[in-house]
Protein backbone atom coordinates (compact mmCIF):
# COMPACT_ATOMS: atom_id res chain seq x y z
CA UNK A 1 89.49 149.31 115.06
CA UNK A 2 86.76 146.38 114.40
CA UNK A 3 85.61 147.27 111.03
CA UNK A 4 82.68 147.13 109.27
CA UNK A 5 83.57 144.83 106.39
CA UNK A 6 85.23 142.59 109.17
CA UNK A 7 82.32 142.17 111.32
CA UNK A 8 79.62 141.27 108.07
CA UNK A 9 82.86 138.81 106.43
CA UNK A 10 82.42 137.00 110.43
CA UNK A 11 78.50 136.91 109.95
CA UNK A 12 78.03 135.51 106.37
CA UNK A 13 80.67 132.34 107.48
CA UNK A 14 79.12 131.63 111.29
CA UNK A 15 75.97 132.21 109.39
CA UNK A 16 76.62 129.32 106.74
CA UNK A 17 78.09 127.17 110.00
CA UNK A 18 74.60 127.42 110.29
CA UNK A 19 73.08 126.80 107.04
CA UNK A 20 74.64 123.85 107.69
CA UNK A 21 72.66 122.09 111.09
CA UNK A 22 69.32 124.32 108.90
CA UNK A 23 69.08 126.31 111.87
CA UNK A 24 68.88 129.43 113.64
CA UNK A 25 71.98 130.69 113.67
CA UNK A 26 73.24 130.19 117.43
CA UNK A 27 76.33 130.62 119.62
CA UNK A 28 77.69 127.22 118.62
CA UNK A 29 78.08 128.81 115.08
CA UNK A 30 80.46 131.45 115.82
CA UNK A 31 82.49 128.43 118.10
CA UNK A 32 82.47 126.21 114.96
CA UNK A 33 83.03 129.09 112.23
CA UNK A 34 86.05 130.18 114.42
CA UNK A 35 87.77 126.81 114.86
CA UNK A 36 87.76 127.27 110.60
CA UNK A 37 88.80 130.22 111.01
CA UNK A 38 91.33 131.07 113.40
CA UNK A 39 94.81 128.39 113.39
CA UNK A 40 93.33 126.83 116.83
CA UNK A 41 91.54 123.35 117.52
CA UNK A 42 88.73 123.71 119.10
CA UNK A 43 86.29 126.80 120.94
CA UNK A 44 83.34 126.67 123.39
CA UNK A 45 81.51 129.51 125.47
CA UNK A 46 80.04 129.24 129.10
CA UNK A 47 77.09 131.69 130.26
CA UNK A 48 78.77 133.88 133.10
CA UNK A 49 77.11 135.58 135.73
CA UNK A 50 78.20 137.53 139.02
CA UNK A 51 75.02 136.98 140.22
CA UNK A 52 73.62 133.59 139.17
CA UNK A 53 75.69 130.06 138.59
CA UNK A 54 77.86 129.89 135.05
CA UNK A 55 77.48 126.60 132.70
CA UNK A 56 78.83 125.80 129.54
CA UNK A 57 76.81 126.97 126.92
CA UNK A 58 78.69 124.77 124.12
CA UNK A 59 82.22 123.22 122.82
CA UNK A 60 83.74 122.11 119.10
CA UNK A 61 85.00 119.24 120.31
CA UNK A 62 85.55 117.24 123.84
CA UNK A 63 89.81 119.24 125.02
CA UNK A 64 87.01 122.74 124.92
CA UNK A 65 84.23 120.66 126.76
CA UNK A 66 86.67 119.84 129.19
CA UNK A 67 88.33 123.35 129.39
CA UNK A 68 84.56 124.74 129.93
CA UNK A 69 83.94 122.59 133.16
CA UNK A 70 87.54 123.08 134.44
CA UNK A 71 87.51 126.47 134.99
CA UNK A 72 84.05 127.07 136.41
CA UNK A 73 84.90 123.86 138.42
CA UNK A 74 88.01 125.67 139.63
CA UNK A 75 87.11 129.22 139.63
CA UNK A 76 90.25 129.81 137.82
CA UNK A 77 91.66 130.09 134.25
CA UNK A 78 92.05 132.79 131.21
CA UNK A 79 88.01 132.56 131.53
CA UNK A 80 87.63 133.23 135.16
CA UNK A 81 90.24 136.46 134.59
CA UNK A 82 88.51 137.53 131.43
CA UNK A 83 85.44 137.84 132.69
CA UNK A 84 86.77 139.21 136.26
CA UNK A 85 88.87 141.95 134.27
CA UNK A 86 86.67 142.49 131.50
CA UNK A 87 89.17 141.99 129.27
CA UNK A 88 91.23 138.99 126.76
CA UNK A 89 93.22 136.76 128.64
CA UNK A 90 95.62 135.27 125.68
CA UNK A 91 97.99 132.25 126.66
CA UNK A 92 99.97 130.76 124.02
CA UNK A 93 101.41 128.42 125.92
CA UNK A 94 99.70 126.76 129.31
CA UNK A 95 103.83 126.00 130.11
CA UNK A 96 104.71 129.17 130.63
CA UNK A 97 105.76 128.71 134.71
CA UNK A 98 104.09 132.44 135.33
CA UNK A 99 101.03 130.34 133.82
CA UNK A 100 101.57 127.59 136.50
CA UNK A 101 101.80 129.61 139.85
CA UNK A 102 99.02 131.60 138.24
CA UNK A 103 96.87 129.00 137.98
CA UNK A 104 98.14 126.62 140.41
CA UNK A 105 95.44 123.54 139.66
CA UNK A 106 93.53 124.70 136.60
CA UNK A 107 97.19 124.81 134.41
CA UNK A 108 97.64 121.06 134.79
CA UNK A 109 94.40 119.75 134.99
CA UNK A 110 94.49 121.39 130.78
CA UNK A 111 97.46 120.12 130.07
CA UNK A 112 95.84 116.82 130.71
CA UNK A 113 92.85 117.61 129.04
CA UNK A 114 95.55 117.76 125.95
CA UNK A 115 95.12 121.63 125.98
CA UNK A 116 98.23 123.70 124.92
CA UNK A 117 97.18 127.64 123.98
CA UNK A 118 93.68 129.61 125.78
CA UNK A 119 92.62 132.31 124.51
CA UNK A 120 89.08 134.13 126.38
CA UNK A 121 87.43 137.01 125.09
CA UNK A 122 84.89 138.66 127.21
CA UNK A 123 81.31 138.77 125.87
CA UNK A 124 80.62 142.38 126.48
CA UNK A 125 77.80 144.24 125.70
CA UNK A 126 79.03 147.82 127.41
CA UNK A 127 78.81 147.32 130.86
CA UNK A 128 76.93 144.14 130.44
CA UNK A 129 78.89 140.86 130.01
CA UNK A 130 76.90 137.63 129.82
CA UNK A 131 79.78 135.17 129.27
CA UNK A 132 82.96 133.97 128.05
CA UNK A 133 83.83 132.54 124.60
CA UNK A 134 87.76 130.11 124.63
CA UNK A 135 89.36 128.65 121.87
CA UNK A 136 92.42 127.08 122.52
CA UNK A 137 94.92 124.74 121.19
CA UNK A 138 96.95 121.38 121.53
CA UNK A 139 100.27 122.78 120.25
CA UNK A 140 102.21 126.23 121.18
CA UNK A 141 99.95 128.90 119.57
CA UNK A 142 100.43 133.13 118.71
CA UNK A 143 97.27 134.51 117.12
CA UNK A 144 98.65 137.79 115.01
CA UNK A 145 96.81 141.15 115.45
CA UNK A 146 94.44 140.04 112.38
CA UNK A 147 93.62 137.12 114.27
CA UNK A 148 92.93 138.16 117.25
CA UNK A 149 91.01 141.13 115.74
CA UNK A 150 89.21 138.69 114.03
CA UNK A 151 88.39 135.77 117.68
CA UNK A 152 87.04 139.50 119.08
CA UNK A 153 84.70 140.42 116.29
CA UNK A 154 83.45 136.45 116.35
CA UNK A 155 83.17 137.69 120.54
CA UNK A 156 80.93 140.40 119.19
CA UNK A 157 78.65 138.98 117.68
CA UNK A 158 78.58 135.76 120.26
CA UNK A 159 77.30 138.02 122.67
CA UNK A 160 74.61 139.65 120.50
CA UNK A 161 73.30 135.86 119.69
CA UNK A 162 73.55 134.49 123.07
CA UNK A 163 71.92 138.06 124.97
CA UNK A 164 69.06 137.44 122.46
CA UNK A 165 68.54 133.40 122.89
CA UNK A 166 68.12 133.87 126.88
CA UNK A 167 65.11 135.57 125.27
CA UNK A 168 64.47 133.05 122.45
CA UNK A 169 65.63 129.96 122.88
CA UNK A 170 62.87 128.34 120.05
CA UNK A 171 66.09 127.36 118.08
CA UNK A 172 63.85 127.12 114.58
CA UNK A 173 65.29 126.46 111.14
CA UNK A 174 65.96 129.59 109.26
CA UNK A 175 65.51 130.22 105.45
CA UNK A 176 68.02 133.35 105.17
CA UNK A 177 71.42 133.45 105.76
CA UNK A 178 70.61 135.58 109.28
CA UNK A 179 67.99 136.09 111.66
CA UNK A 180 65.23 137.61 111.13
CA UNK A 181 66.04 140.83 112.83
CA UNK A 182 69.20 140.57 110.91
CA UNK A 183 72.66 143.20 112.64
CA UNK A 184 72.67 145.91 110.42
CA UNK A 185 74.23 148.65 112.97
CA UNK A 186 76.06 146.08 115.55
CA UNK A 187 77.17 149.42 117.20
CA UNK A 188 73.59 150.95 117.85
CA UNK A 189 72.35 147.90 118.85
CA UNK A 190 74.84 147.15 121.96
CA UNK A 191 74.40 150.96 122.85
CA UNK A 192 70.60 150.80 122.95
CA UNK A 193 70.67 148.36 125.36
CA UNK A 194 72.93 149.14 127.55
CA UNK A 195 71.73 152.88 127.23
CA UNK A 196 68.31 151.28 128.70
CA UNK A 197 69.89 149.27 131.32
CA UNK A 198 71.53 152.24 132.33
CA UNK A 199 67.89 154.20 132.47
CA UNK A 200 66.93 150.72 134.71
CA UNK A 201 69.79 150.96 136.95
CA UNK A 202 67.91 154.32 138.00
CA UNK A 203 64.51 153.90 137.66
CA UNK A 204 64.39 150.87 139.72
CA UNK A 205 67.61 151.95 142.41
CA UNK A 206 69.94 148.67 141.10
CA UNK A 207 72.78 147.28 140.16
CA UNK A 208 73.65 146.98 136.18
CA UNK A 209 73.52 143.24 135.88
CA UNK A 210 69.63 142.93 137.86
CA UNK A 211 68.73 145.83 135.42
CA UNK A 212 69.49 144.15 132.63
CA UNK A 213 68.02 140.37 134.01
CA UNK A 214 64.41 142.53 134.44
CA UNK A 215 65.12 143.76 130.83
CA UNK A 216 64.98 140.85 129.95
CA UNK A 217 62.88 139.47 131.75
CA UNK A 218 60.01 142.29 130.55
CA UNK A 219 60.79 141.58 126.76
CA UNK A 220 60.81 137.45 127.18
CA UNK A 221 56.92 137.86 129.25
CA UNK A 222 56.09 140.32 126.19
CA UNK A 223 57.12 138.00 123.82
CA UNK A 224 59.12 141.16 121.66
CA UNK A 225 63.14 141.45 121.20
CA UNK A 226 65.09 142.61 123.44
CA UNK A 227 66.16 145.66 121.12
CA UNK A 228 62.71 146.36 120.52
CA UNK A 229 62.22 146.76 124.68
CA UNK A 230 65.16 148.76 125.04
CA UNK A 231 64.73 151.54 122.55
CA UNK A 232 60.72 151.62 123.99
CA UNK A 233 63.10 152.39 127.07
CA UNK A 234 65.55 155.15 125.96
CA UNK A 235 62.62 156.66 123.40
CA UNK A 236 60.50 157.03 127.68
CA UNK A 237 57.69 154.48 125.69
CA UNK A 238 57.99 152.34 128.44
CA UNK A 239 58.79 152.84 132.16
CA UNK A 240 59.81 150.53 134.89
CA UNK A 241 58.79 150.51 138.56
CA UNK A 242 60.40 148.58 141.40
CA UNK A 243 56.80 147.73 142.76
CA UNK A 244 54.81 147.59 139.84
CA UNK A 245 54.93 146.15 136.53
CA UNK A 246 56.60 148.37 133.71
CA UNK A 247 53.64 150.40 132.50
CA UNK A 248 53.31 152.03 128.46
CA UNK A 249 52.90 156.16 128.76
CA UNK A 250 51.25 158.36 127.20
CA UNK A 251 53.89 158.53 125.02
CA UNK A 252 53.55 155.67 122.69
CA UNK A 253 52.16 155.59 119.11
C-alpha cells in the first residue's frame, strides 16, 4: 500500500522542481522529480483518451520525447498497453525476444531512439484514466519494490495534476510549495471525483468518459475547482440533465 509518508515525500520533491522553475506545480515537475529520484534517464507523459486523440504532454529529454511520439503514432508499446489494461507495464530490457514479437515495430524504433528499458504507469482515478507516465533508461534496468512504489506515487500525483491542468491552464507562478488547493487527502480527492462521475453516468445516461468530460467542462465554464464541483454533485447540490444546463438544487447553502 502506498503510504501517506511516501505521498508526502513525493509531493515535496515535485514541489521543489516547480519552485526551481518559478511556476505552478505541473506534470513536467513530476517527470523531472521522478528522473532525479529513480534509476532512470528520462520520463514523459501523454494525455490519452478512448474517445479523443491522444497526445504527448511533456518529456524530460529527447529519448523520452521520441518514445511518446512513437507509441502514439504506431499505436503500440508499453504506454499503449498500460492505458488499455489499466495496469503498469514494466519492460526492463527491450531486447527481450518476447517483446520483439509483441511490439514488432515499436521495439526496434525505441532501441534506435536510444531506449533500452521502459516502464509505463497508467494515470488512474477509479474508472477515469487521463494518461500514462513513462519512465525510460538507456541501459537494462530493474526497479525494486521501493522504487516501484515511488513510481506509483509519482503517477498518483501526476493524475491529480493532469486532471486539474485540464481546467486551470494558467500556469501562474506559485509562492508556496504546492498548488493553493493542496493535496492533504489524495484518496478522498480521487474518490469524490470518481463518485461524482459515476453519478453523472446515471443522470446523463452516458459512459464514464463522457460523464467526466461534462463534469470537467462545467468546472471550466464556471471557473471552479473540479473537486468543488464534484462535491456539489455528490452532495446533491448540483444536478446534470441530458438536455439542459446543470442546475443548482434547493439544497444549496
